[in-house]
Amino acid sequence: MRIRGIIAAAVATAALAGLGITGATTAQAATPQVSGHQCTAGGGFISGTPQNGFFCVGGKYAGQPID
């Protein structure tokens, strides 16, 4: 019984460590940006404000920031 508890703790620790590594990699990934021309050519339109940034709405590049 004691060995089963040790193995369960080791598996849980390994799983949590794996999640930490995956989360760090995802957080460092750059958000893709498109130009205003790419947004409109892809069927979308530009929306947003200078304070909050501009984003493509609809079309092929929906949700991506405009550079």
C-alpha atoms as a PDB file:
ATOM      1  CA  MET A   1       0.000   0.000   0.000  1.00  0.00           C
ATOM      2  CA  ARG A   2       2.816   2.371   0.805  1.00  0.00           C
ATOM      3  CA  ILE A   3       4.430   1.801  -2.603  1.00  0.00           C
ATOM      4  CA  ARG A   4       1.124   2.511  -4.357  1.00  0.00           C
ATOM      5  CA  GLY A   5       0.945   5.902  -2.581  1.00  0.00           C
ATOM      6  CA  ILE A   6       4.512   6.756  -3.535  1.00  0.00           C
ATOM      7  CA  ILE A   7       3.877   5.861  -7.178  1.00  0.00           C
ATOM      8  CA  ALA A   8       0.653   7.901  -7.227  1.00  0.00           C
ATOM      9  CA  ALA A   9       2.488  10.921  -5.794  1.00  0.00           C
ATOM     10  CA  ALA A  10       5.282  10.562  -8.364  1.00  0.00           C
ATOM     11  CA  VAL A  11       2.798  10.369 -11.235  1.00  0.00           C
ATOM     12  CA  ALA A  12       0.904  13.433  -9.969  1.00  0.00           C
ATOM     13  CA  THR A  13       4.137  15.411  -9.616  1.00  0.00           C
ATOM     14  CA  ALA A  14       5.234  14.477 -13.142  1.00  0.00           C
ATOM     15  CA  ALA A  15       1.846  15.465 -14.563  1.00  0.00           C
ATOM     16  CA  LEU A  16       1.905  18.857 -12.862  1.00  0.00           C
ATOM     17  CA  ALA A  17       5.476  19.472 -14.021  1.00  0.00           C
ATOM     18  CA  GLY A  18       4.413  18.669 -17.581  1.00  0.00           C
ATOM     19  CA  LEU A  19       1.570  21.165 -17.380  1.00  0.00           C
ATOM     20  CA  GLY A  20       3.950  23.848 -16.148  1.00  0.00           C
ATOM     21  CA  ILE A  21       6.305  23.316 -19.068  1.00  0.00           C
ATOM     22  CA  THR A  22       3.459  23.342 -21.593  1.00  0.00           C
ATOM     23  CA  GLY A  23       1.941  26.492 -20.084  1.00  0.00           C
ATOM     24  CA  ALA A  24       5.274  28.330 -20.204  1.00  0.00           C
ATOM     25  CA  THR A  25       5.763  27.447 -23.855  1.00  0.00           C
ATOM     26  CA  THR A  26       2.270  28.596 -24.771  1.00  0.00           C
ATOM     27  CA  ALA A  27       2.657  31.881 -22.907  1.00  0.00           C
ATOM     28  CA  GLN A  28       5.824  32.724 -24.822  1.00  0.00           C
ATOM     29  CA  ALA A  29       4.300  32.178 -28.261  1.00  0.00           C
ATOM     30  CA  ALA A  30       3.862  35.408 -30.219  1.00  0.00           C
ATOM     31  CA  THR A  31       0.380  36.427 -31.319  1.00  0.00           C
ATOM     32  CA  PRO A  32       0.254  36.513 -35.124  1.00  0.00           C
ATOM     33  CA  GLN A  33      -0.450  39.926 -36.600  1.00  0.00           C
ATOM     34  CA  VAL A  34      -1.865  40.866 -39.969  1.00  0.00           C
ATOM     35  CA  SER A  35      -1.895  44.092 -41.945  1.00  0.00           C
ATOM     36  CA  GLY A  36      -5.084  46.027 -42.528  1.00  0.00           C
ATOM     37  CA  HIS A  37      -4.931  45.048 -46.190  1.00  0.00           C
ATOM     38  CA  GLN A  38      -4.663  41.325 -45.333  1.00  0.00           C
ATOM     39  CA  CYS A  39      -7.655  41.653 -43.011  1.00  0.00           C
ATOM     40  CA  THR A  40      -9.924  43.268 -45.596  1.00  0.00           C
ATOM     41  CA  ALA A  41      -8.660  41.056 -48.438  1.00  0.00           C
ATOM     42  CA  GLY A  42      -9.486  38.029 -46.280  1.00  0.00           C
ATOM     43  CA  GLY A  43     -13.103  39.135 -45.948  1.00  0.00           C
ATOM     44  CA  GLY A  44     -12.885  40.936 -42.596  1.00  0.00           C
ATOM     45  CA  PHE A  45     -13.009  44.512 -41.383  1.00  0.00           C
ATOM     46  CA  ILE A  46     -10.909  46.486 -38.909  1.00  0.00           C
ATOM     47  CA  SER A  47     -12.340  47.407 -35.525  1.00  0.00           C
ATOM     48  CA  GLY A  48     -10.913  48.873 -32.330  1.00  0.00           C
ATOM     49  CA  THR A  49      -9.432  52.034 -30.842  1.00  0.00           C
ATOM     50  CA  PRO A  50      -5.920  53.474 -30.658  1.00  0.00           C
ATOM     51  CA  GLN A  51      -5.955  52.920 -26.886  1.00  0.00           C
ATOM     52  CA  ASN A  52      -6.985  49.244 -27.026  1.00  0.00           C
ATOM     53  CA  GLY A  53      -5.515  48.339 -30.393  1.00  0.00           C
ATOM     54  CA  PHE A  54      -7.093  47.340 -33.673  1.00  0.00           C
ATOM     55  CA  PHE A  55      -8.316  43.850 -34.516  1.00  0.00           C
ATOM     56  CA  CYS A  56      -9.606  42.061 -37.586  1.00  0.00           C
ATOM     57  CA  VAL A  57     -13.268  41.112 -37.254  1.00  0.00           C
ATOM     58  CA  GLY A  58     -14.634  38.335 -39.437  1.00  0.00           C
ATOM     59  CA  GLY A  59     -13.064  36.711 -42.460  1.00  0.00           C
ATOM     60  CA  LYS A  60      -9.916  34.614 -42.639  1.00  0.00           C
ATOM     61  CA  TYR A  61      -7.997  36.578 -39.965  1.00  0.00           C
ATOM     62  CA  ALA A  62     -10.789  37.066 -37.397  1.00  0.00           C
ATOM     63  CA  GLY A  63      -9.531  38.014 -33.933  1.00  0.00           C
ATOM     64  CA  GLN A  64      -5.952  38.758 -34.952  1.00  0.00           C
ATOM     65  CA  PRO A  65      -4.386  42.117 -34.073  1.00  0.00           C
ATOM     66  CA  ILE A  66      -3.626  44.585 -36.837  1.00  0.00           C
ATOM     67  CA  ASP A  67       0.001  45.671 -36.998  1.00  0.00           C
END
